[in-house]
């Protein structure tokens, strides 16, 4: 009898310990996950670029810039923090990340509907002057945020419909830049090389794909990571269409 009671007590103890461990695991905080594994293009889908537009070399994601277009993540994301490191390899290079994006491109366009986080090389303003020879505003090349192809936002620091960074923090050709971008319930906040300098709000779309942009110049990416946050309240019109449905 005492042996049975002892066995039952042990079993109960193990069960309680198991439940405690399960609860502890459930309470563990969310962790950053790699969107790029440093080896291949697993988790990414080519939308409208060539087979050799994207490649991996020495742990770096290489984009040739040709043709203009995007590749996207396999899944959609709603609320999250994105970490991405990038460097242009040509003067005046152009690229970016699209968030809350459609997984296809509109007819007649090479780029999708989405929220663009701009990545321009510093010399872009000198190579794309106005007709009178005046260079565009320097803030153009330091992390502008804007809605593309129909996505609408309200800029924190307006330059027309776009939002410009309040500090010029990007580095030039051959140097790595770090973007940390927070996306929550239609609000976006951009940190450039360690400081928050730009934002938009009231995005008309709040869930969709992430896209990397190829736009005419060689660019490198590395350490592309995402921390998913709890979901919000969404209407159907605030979610990008799931490709294949």
C-alpha atoms as a PDB file:
ATOM      1  CA  UNK A   1       0.000   0.000   0.000  1.00  0.00           C
ATOM      2  CA  UNK A   2       2.728   2.459   0.942  1.00  0.00           C
ATOM      3  CA  UNK A   3       4.632   1.547  -2.216  1.00  0.00           C
ATOM      4  CA  UNK A   4       1.566   2.357  -4.349  1.00  0.00           C
ATOM      5  CA  UNK A   5       1.107   5.668  -2.595  1.00  0.00           C
ATOM      6  CA  UNK A   6       4.764   6.464  -3.071  1.00  0.00           C
ATOM      7  CA  UNK A   7       4.512   5.622  -6.776  1.00  0.00           C
ATOM      8  CA  UNK A   8       1.405   7.764  -7.136  1.00  0.00           C
ATOM      9  CA  UNK A   9       3.125  10.669  -5.414  1.00  0.00           C
ATOM     10  CA  UNK A  10       6.090  10.382  -7.761  1.00  0.00           C
ATOM     11  CA  UNK A  11       3.809  10.277 -10.787  1.00  0.00           C
ATOM     12  CA  UNK A  12       1.932  13.349  -9.600  1.00  0.00           C
ATOM     13  CA  UNK A  13       5.215  15.131  -8.994  1.00  0.00           C
ATOM     14  CA  UNK A  14       6.421  14.374 -12.500  1.00  0.00           C
ATOM     15  CA  UNK A  15       3.103  15.557 -13.955  1.00  0.00           C
ATOM     16  CA  UNK A  16       3.241  18.826 -12.020  1.00  0.00           C
ATOM     17  CA  UNK A  17       6.867  19.354 -13.057  1.00  0.00           C
ATOM     18  CA  UNK A  18       5.968  18.693 -16.695  1.00  0.00           C
ATOM     19  CA  UNK A  19       3.098  21.165 -16.535  1.00  0.00           C
ATOM     20  CA  UNK A  20       5.400  23.718 -14.942  1.00  0.00           C
ATOM     21  CA  UNK A  21       8.003  23.271 -17.664  1.00  0.00           C
ATOM     22  CA  UNK A  22       5.326  23.549 -20.357  1.00  0.00           C
ATOM     23  CA  UNK A  23       4.025  26.762 -18.816  1.00  0.00           C
ATOM     24  CA  UNK A  24       7.567  28.121 -18.641  1.00  0.00           C
ATOM     25  CA  UNK A  25       8.136  27.292 -22.297  1.00  0.00           C
ATOM     26  CA  UNK A  26       4.839  28.953 -23.246  1.00  0.00           C
ATOM     27  CA  UNK A  27       5.896  32.093 -21.408  1.00  0.00           C
ATOM     28  CA  UNK A  28       9.233  32.367 -23.194  1.00  0.00           C
ATOM     29  CA  UNK A  29       9.503  35.632 -25.142  1.00  0.00           C
ATOM     30  CA  UNK A  30       9.385  35.659 -28.927  1.00  0.00           C
ATOM     31  CA  UNK A  31      12.742  35.491 -30.667  1.00  0.00           C
ATOM     32  CA  UNK A  32      14.117  36.967 -33.870  1.00  0.00           C
ATOM     33  CA  UNK A  33      14.009  34.495 -36.771  1.00  0.00           C
ATOM     34  CA  UNK A  34      16.232  34.526 -39.833  1.00  0.00           C
ATOM     35  CA  UNK A  35      14.508  35.411 -43.100  1.00  0.00           C
ATOM     36  CA  UNK A  36      17.768  34.756 -44.955  1.00  0.00           C
ATOM     37  CA  UNK A  37      19.776  31.706 -43.865  1.00  0.00           C
ATOM     38  CA  UNK A  38      23.063  32.816 -45.423  1.00  0.00           C
ATOM     39  CA  UNK A  39      23.193  29.726 -47.650  1.00  0.00           C
ATOM     40  CA  UNK A  40      20.406  29.839 -50.218  1.00  0.00           C
ATOM     41  CA  UNK A  41      17.077  31.487 -51.080  1.00  0.00           C
ATOM     42  CA  UNK A  42      14.898  29.203 -48.950  1.00  0.00           C
ATOM     43  CA  UNK A  43      11.760  31.034 -47.806  1.00  0.00           C
ATOM     44  CA  UNK A  44      11.777  33.442 -50.753  1.00  0.00           C
ATOM     45  CA  UNK A  45       9.757  33.452 -53.976  1.00  0.00           C
ATOM     46  CA  UNK A  46      10.851  35.155 -57.200  1.00  0.00           C
ATOM     47  CA  UNK A  47       8.009  37.398 -58.358  1.00  0.00           C
ATOM     48  CA  UNK A  48       9.201  39.005 -61.604  1.00  0.00           C
ATOM     49  CA  UNK A  49      13.003  39.007 -61.747  1.00  0.00           C
ATOM     50  CA  UNK A  50      15.416  36.732 -63.619  1.00  0.00           C
ATOM     51  CA  UNK A  51      16.820  33.433 -62.411  1.00  0.00           C
ATOM     52  CA  UNK A  52      20.217  35.013 -61.802  1.00  0.00           C
ATOM     53  CA  UNK A  53      19.039  38.295 -60.244  1.00  0.00           C
ATOM     54  CA  UNK A  54      19.454  36.906 -56.734  1.00  0.00           C
ATOM     55  CA  UNK A  55      22.353  34.775 -55.510  1.00  0.00           C
ATOM     56  CA  UNK A  56      24.267  33.950 -52.332  1.00  0.00           C
ATOM     57  CA  UNK A  57      27.987  34.548 -51.950  1.00  0.00           C
ATOM     58  CA  UNK A  58      29.995  34.114 -48.726  1.00  0.00           C
ATOM     59  CA  UNK A  59      26.876  34.420 -46.572  1.00  0.00           C
ATOM     60  CA  UNK A  60      25.686  37.559 -48.360  1.00  0.00           C
ATOM     61  CA  UNK A  61      22.521  37.883 -50.438  1.00  0.00           C
ATOM     62  CA  UNK A  62      23.552  39.488 -53.723  1.00  0.00           C
ATOM     63  CA  UNK A  63      21.115  41.323 -56.008  1.00  0.00           C
ATOM     64  CA  UNK A  64      22.361  42.207 -59.485  1.00  0.00           C
ATOM     65  CA  UNK A  65      19.737  44.937 -59.848  1.00  0.00           C
ATOM     66  CA  UNK A  66      18.543  43.587 -63.209  1.00  0.00           C
ATOM     67  CA  UNK A  67      15.813  43.409 -64.212  1.00  0.00           C
ATOM     68  CA  UNK A  68      13.736  45.741 -62.058  1.00  0.00           C
ATOM     69  CA  UNK A  69      11.402  43.697 -59.864  1.00  0.00           C
ATOM     70  CA  UNK A  70      11.101  41.937 -56.517  1.00  0.00           C
ATOM     71  CA  UNK A  71      11.252  38.667 -54.705  1.00  0.00           C
ATOM     72  CA  UNK A  72       8.961  38.086 -51.725  1.00  0.00           C
ATOM     73  CA  UNK A  73       8.674  36.024 -48.568  1.00  0.00           C
ATOM     74  CA  UNK A  74       6.650  32.818 -48.696  1.00  0.00           C
ATOM     75  CA  UNK A  75       4.333  34.015 -45.922  1.00  0.00           C
ATOM     76  CA  UNK A  76       2.644  37.253 -44.936  1.00  0.00           C
ATOM     77  CA  UNK A  77       3.436  39.308 -41.839  1.00  0.00           C
ATOM     78  CA  UNK A  78       1.332  41.749 -39.835  1.00  0.00           C
ATOM     79  CA  UNK A  79       2.968  43.247 -36.735  1.00  0.00           C
ATOM     80  CA  UNK A  80       6.729  42.775 -36.480  1.00  0.00           C
ATOM     81  CA  UNK A  81      10.208  44.227 -36.150  1.00  0.00           C
ATOM     82  CA  UNK A  82      12.475  43.871 -39.182  1.00  0.00           C
ATOM     83  CA  UNK A  83      16.269  43.998 -38.997  1.00  0.00           C
ATOM     84  CA  UNK A  84      18.149  44.234 -42.299  1.00  0.00           C
ATOM     85  CA  UNK A  85      21.700  45.190 -43.219  1.00  0.00           C
ATOM     86  CA  UNK A  86      22.482  46.433 -46.734  1.00  0.00           C
ATOM     87  CA  UNK A  87      25.191  48.082 -48.795  1.00  0.00           C
ATOM     88  CA  UNK A  88      25.136  49.465 -52.301  1.00  0.00           C
ATOM     89  CA  UNK A  89      28.060  48.514 -54.520  1.00  0.00           C
ATOM     90  CA  UNK A  90      27.496  51.158 -57.209  1.00  0.00           C
ATOM     91  CA  UNK A  91      27.292  54.943 -56.955  1.00  0.00           C
ATOM     92  CA  UNK A  92      23.695  56.128 -57.031  1.00  0.00           C
ATOM     93  CA  UNK A  93      22.247  52.644 -56.506  1.00  0.00           C
ATOM     94  CA  UNK A  94      18.513  52.245 -55.857  1.00  0.00           C
ATOM     95  CA  UNK A  95      16.699  49.538 -53.896  1.00  0.00           C
ATOM     96  CA  UNK A  96      14.382  49.051 -50.953  1.00  0.00           C
ATOM     97  CA  UNK A  97      12.181  46.772 -48.895  1.00  0.00           C
ATOM     98  CA  UNK A  98       8.427  46.545 -49.405  1.00  0.00           C
ATOM     99  CA  UNK A  99       6.313  45.623 -46.374  1.00  0.00           C
ATOM    100  CA  UNK A 100       2.586  44.814 -46.110  1.00  0.00           C
ATOM    101  CA  UNK A 101       2.962  44.157 -49.824  1.00  0.00           C
ATOM    102  CA  UNK A 102       0.971  42.352 -52.468  1.00  0.00           C
ATOM    103  CA  UNK A 103       2.621  39.154 -53.625  1.00  0.00           C
ATOM    104  CA  UNK A 104       2.256  40.067 -57.294  1.00  0.00           C
ATOM    105  CA  UNK A 105       2.816  43.257 -59.290  1.00  0.00           C
ATOM    106  CA  UNK A 106       0.078  45.310 -60.997  1.00  0.00           C
ATOM    107  CA  UNK A 107      -0.220  45.136 -64.758  1.00  0.00           C
ATOM    108  CA  UNK A 108       2.126  47.658 -66.359  1.00  0.00           C
ATOM    109  CA  UNK A 109       4.327  47.969 -63.252  1.00  0.00           C
ATOM    110  CA  UNK A 110       7.538  46.263 -62.166  1.00  0.00           C
ATOM    111  CA  UNK A 111       6.971  46.887 -58.445  1.00  0.00           C
ATOM    112  CA  UNK A 112       4.146  45.848 -56.083  1.00  0.00           C
ATOM    113  CA  UNK A 113       1.619  47.715 -54.008  1.00  0.00           C
ATOM    114  CA  UNK A 114       3.196  48.062 -50.583  1.00  0.00           C
ATOM    115  CA  UNK A 115       4.923  50.235 -47.994  1.00  0.00           C
ATOM    116  CA  UNK A 116       8.418  51.004 -49.290  1.00  0.00           C
ATOM    117  CA  UNK A 117      11.413  51.549 -47.042  1.00  0.00           C
ATOM    118  CA  UNK A 118      13.801  53.269 -49.438  1.00  0.00           C
ATOM    119  CA  UNK A 119      17.474  52.293 -49.823  1.00  0.00           C
ATOM    120  CA  UNK A 120      19.417  54.744 -52.002  1.00  0.00           C
ATOM    121  CA  UNK A 121      23.171  55.190 -52.345  1.00  0.00           C
ATOM    122  CA  UNK A 122      24.269  58.703 -51.344  1.00  0.00           C
ATOM    123  CA  UNK A 123      25.356  59.750 -54.836  1.00  0.00           C
ATOM    124  CA  UNK A 124      21.831  59.209 -56.165  1.00  0.00           C
ATOM    125  CA  UNK A 125      20.993  62.892 -55.692  1.00  0.00           C
ATOM    126  CA  UNK A 126      23.981  63.935 -57.802  1.00  0.00           C
ATOM    127  CA  UNK A 127      23.159  61.517 -60.607  1.00  0.00           C
ATOM    128  CA  UNK A 128      19.438  62.404 -60.762  1.00  0.00           C
ATOM    129  CA  UNK A 129      19.343  66.194 -60.791  1.00  0.00           C
ATOM    130  CA  UNK A 130      16.331  68.279 -61.709  1.00  0.00           C
ATOM    131  CA  UNK A 131      16.076  69.836 -65.192  1.00  0.00           C
ATOM    132  CA  UNK A 132      17.599  73.053 -63.863  1.00  0.00           C
ATOM    133  CA  UNK A 133      20.593  71.177 -62.439  1.00  0.00           C
ATOM    134  CA  UNK A 134      19.394  71.280 -58.834  1.00  0.00           C
ATOM    135  CA  UNK A 135      19.904  68.000 -56.919  1.00  0.00           C
ATOM    136  CA  UNK A 136      16.895  66.478 -55.132  1.00  0.00           C
ATOM    137  CA  UNK A 137      16.677  66.937 -51.345  1.00  0.00           C
ATOM    138  CA  UNK A 138      19.436  65.053 -49.549  1.00  0.00           C
ATOM    139  CA  UNK A 139      16.824  63.428 -47.281  1.00  0.00           C
ATOM    140  CA  UNK A 140      15.819  61.432 -50.364  1.00  0.00           C
ATOM    141  CA  UNK A 141      18.759  59.104 -49.748  1.00  0.00           C
ATOM    142  CA  UNK A 142      18.510  58.611 -45.984  1.00  0.00           C
ATOM    143  CA  UNK A 143      15.536  56.295 -45.610  1.00  0.00           C
ATOM    144  CA  UNK A 144      12.337  57.718 -47.044  1.00  0.00           C
ATOM    145  CA  UNK A 145       9.062  55.933 -46.309  1.00  0.00           C
ATOM    146  CA  UNK A 146       6.079  55.958 -48.651  1.00  0.00           C
ATOM    147  CA  UNK A 147       3.146  54.019 -49.997  1.00  0.00           C
ATOM    148  CA  UNK A 148       3.648  52.581 -53.479  1.00  0.00           C
ATOM    149  CA  UNK A 149       1.117  51.634 -56.172  1.00  0.00           C
ATOM    150  CA  UNK A 150      -1.979  52.527 -54.183  1.00  0.00           C
ATOM    151  CA  UNK A 151      -1.026  51.890 -50.548  1.00  0.00           C
ATOM    152  CA  UNK A 152      -1.730  55.063 -48.569  1.00  0.00           C
ATOM    153  CA  UNK A 153      -0.032  56.404 -45.428  1.00  0.00           C
ATOM    154  CA  UNK A 154       0.204  59.649 -43.465  1.00  0.00           C
ATOM    155  CA  UNK A 155       3.854  60.809 -43.283  1.00  0.00           C
ATOM    156  CA  UNK A 156       5.349  61.922 -39.964  1.00  0.00           C
ATOM    157  CA  UNK A 157       7.802  64.239 -41.757  1.00  0.00           C
ATOM    158  CA  UNK A 158       6.071  65.154 -45.010  1.00  0.00           C
ATOM    159  CA  UNK A 159       7.839  65.656 -48.302  1.00  0.00           C
ATOM    160  CA  UNK A 160       4.714  65.547 -50.393  1.00  0.00           C
ATOM    161  CA  UNK A 161       3.111  62.153 -49.773  1.00  0.00           C
ATOM    162  CA  UNK A 162       6.443  60.707 -48.603  1.00  0.00           C
ATOM    163  CA  UNK A 163       8.071  60.897 -45.196  1.00  0.00           C
ATOM    164  CA  UNK A 164      11.707  62.023 -45.032  1.00  0.00           C
ATOM    165  CA  UNK A 165      14.253  61.154 -42.354  1.00  0.00           C
ATOM    166  CA  UNK A 166      15.058  63.920 -39.877  1.00  0.00           C
ATOM    167  CA  UNK A 167      18.778  63.076 -39.846  1.00  0.00           C
ATOM    168  CA  UNK A 168      21.136  62.068 -42.644  1.00  0.00           C
ATOM    169  CA  UNK A 169      22.533  58.797 -41.272  1.00  0.00           C
ATOM    170  CA  UNK A 170      23.070  56.454 -44.248  1.00  0.00           C
ATOM    171  CA  UNK A 171      26.562  55.443 -45.358  1.00  0.00           C
ATOM    172  CA  UNK A 172      27.810  55.383 -48.943  1.00  0.00           C
ATOM    173  CA  UNK A 173      28.944  52.824 -51.489  1.00  0.00           C
ATOM    174  CA  UNK A 174      30.594  49.731 -50.065  1.00  0.00           C
ATOM    175  CA  UNK A 175      29.622  50.459 -46.453  1.00  0.00           C
ATOM    176  CA  UNK A 176      27.053  48.468 -44.494  1.00  0.00           C
ATOM    177  CA  UNK A 177      23.895  50.212 -43.300  1.00  0.00           C
ATOM    178  CA  UNK A 178      21.546  48.890 -40.620  1.00  0.00           C
ATOM    179  CA  UNK A 179      17.778  49.375 -40.719  1.00  0.00           C
ATOM    180  CA  UNK A 180      15.595  48.388 -37.763  1.00  0.00           C
ATOM    181  CA  UNK A 181      11.954  48.933 -38.659  1.00  0.00           C
ATOM    182  CA  UNK A 182       8.926  48.545 -36.392  1.00  0.00           C
ATOM    183  CA  UNK A 183       5.579  47.752 -38.048  1.00  0.00           C
ATOM    184  CA  UNK A 184       2.538  47.792 -35.711  1.00  0.00           C
ATOM    185  CA  UNK A 185      -1.135  48.392 -36.524  1.00  0.00           C
ATOM    186  CA  UNK A 186      -0.468  50.622 -39.521  1.00  0.00           C
ATOM    187  CA  UNK A 187       2.358  52.560 -37.863  1.00  0.00           C
ATOM    188  CA  UNK A 188       5.969  52.324 -39.093  1.00  0.00           C
ATOM    189  CA  UNK A 189       9.079  53.625 -37.325  1.00  0.00           C
ATOM    190  CA  UNK A 190      12.488  53.476 -39.016  1.00  0.00           C
ATOM    191  CA  UNK A 191      15.865  53.429 -37.272  1.00  0.00           C
ATOM    192  CA  UNK A 192      18.878  54.138 -39.503  1.00  0.00           C
ATOM    193  CA  UNK A 193      22.229  53.002 -38.137  1.00  0.00           C
ATOM    194  CA  UNK A 194      21.108  53.054 -34.536  1.00  0.00           C
ATOM    195  CA  UNK A 195      18.670  55.963 -34.314  1.00  0.00           C
ATOM    196  CA  UNK A 196      14.946  56.355 -35.060  1.00  0.00           C
ATOM    197  CA  UNK A 197      14.589  59.130 -37.627  1.00  0.00           C
ATOM    198  CA  UNK A 198      11.435  58.511 -39.679  1.00  0.00           C
ATOM    199  CA  UNK A 199       7.894  57.212 -39.532  1.00  0.00           C
ATOM    200  CA  UNK A 200       4.458  56.964 -41.116  1.00  0.00           C
ATOM    201  CA  UNK A 201       1.040  56.063 -39.751  1.00  0.00           C
ATOM    202  CA  UNK A 202      -2.471  55.003 -40.769  1.00  0.00           C
ATOM    203  CA  UNK A 203      -1.310  52.595 -43.461  1.00  0.00           C
ATOM    204  CA  UNK A 204      -4.244  51.469 -45.581  1.00  0.00           C
ATOM    205  CA  UNK A 205      -2.787  47.919 -45.615  1.00  0.00           C
ATOM    206  CA  UNK A 206      -1.433  46.302 -42.453  1.00  0.00           C
ATOM    207  CA  UNK A 207      -0.683  42.710 -43.375  1.00  0.00           C
ATOM    208  CA  UNK A 208       1.140  41.355 -46.402  1.00  0.00           C
ATOM    209  CA  UNK A 209       4.380  40.041 -47.832  1.00  0.00           C
ATOM    210  CA  UNK A 210       7.889  41.376 -47.431  1.00  0.00           C
ATOM    211  CA  UNK A 211       9.700  42.047 -50.711  1.00  0.00           C
ATOM    212  CA  UNK A 212      13.302  42.858 -51.574  1.00  0.00           C
ATOM    213  CA  UNK A 213      13.688  45.185 -54.527  1.00  0.00           C
ATOM    214  CA  UNK A 214      15.958  44.923 -57.561  1.00  0.00           C
ATOM    215  CA  UNK A 215      16.173  48.317 -59.237  1.00  0.00           C
ATOM    216  CA  UNK A 216      19.110  48.689 -61.579  1.00  0.00           C
ATOM    217  CA  UNK A 217      22.200  48.455 -59.376  1.00  0.00           C
ATOM    218  CA  UNK A 218      24.235  45.845 -57.495  1.00  0.00           C
ATOM    219  CA  UNK A 219      23.303  45.669 -53.807  1.00  0.00           C
ATOM    220  CA  UNK A 220      24.170  43.275 -50.960  1.00  0.00           C
ATOM    221  CA  UNK A 221      21.977  42.185 -48.034  1.00  0.00           C
ATOM    222  CA  UNK A 222      22.775  40.247 -44.858  1.00  0.00           C
ATOM    223  CA  UNK A 223      21.336  39.506 -41.400  1.00  0.00           C
ATOM    224  CA  UNK A 224      17.705  39.790 -42.502  1.00  0.00           C
ATOM    225  CA  UNK A 225      15.733  38.932 -39.368  1.00  0.00           C
ATOM    226  CA  UNK A 226      12.183  39.303 -38.133  1.00  0.00           C
ATOM    227  CA  UNK A 227      10.565  39.372 -34.714  1.00  0.00           C
ATOM    228  CA  UNK A 228       6.845  38.693 -35.031  1.00  0.00           C
ATOM    229  CA  UNK A 229       4.563  40.560 -32.615  1.00  0.00           C
ATOM    230  CA  UNK A 230       0.973  39.819 -31.558  1.00  0.00           C
ATOM    231  CA  UNK A 231      -1.706  40.401 -34.171  1.00  0.00           C
ATOM    232  CA  UNK A 232      -4.046  43.378 -34.164  1.00  0.00           C
ATOM    233  CA  UNK A 233      -7.610  43.921 -35.397  1.00  0.00           C
ATOM    234  CA  UNK A 234      -7.797  43.914 -39.185  1.00  0.00           C
ATOM    235  CA  UNK A 235     -10.450  44.434 -41.799  1.00  0.00           C
ATOM    236  CA  UNK A 236     -10.364  42.387 -44.983  1.00  0.00           C
ATOM    237  CA  UNK A 237      -9.422  45.499 -46.963  1.00  0.00           C
ATOM    238  CA  UNK A 238      -6.316  45.953 -44.763  1.00  0.00           C
ATOM    239  CA  UNK A 239      -4.823  42.593 -45.725  1.00  0.00           C
ATOM    240  CA  UNK A 240      -2.984  41.880 -48.966  1.00  0.00           C
ATOM    241  CA  UNK A 241      -4.422  39.095 -51.086  1.00  0.00           C
ATOM    242  CA  UNK A 242      -2.824  35.721 -50.432  1.00  0.00           C
ATOM    243  CA  UNK A 243      -1.152  34.513 -53.623  1.00  0.00           C
ATOM    244  CA  UNK A 244      -2.789  31.374 -54.959  1.00  0.00           C
ATOM    245  CA  UNK A 245      -6.192  32.001 -53.425  1.00  0.00           C
END
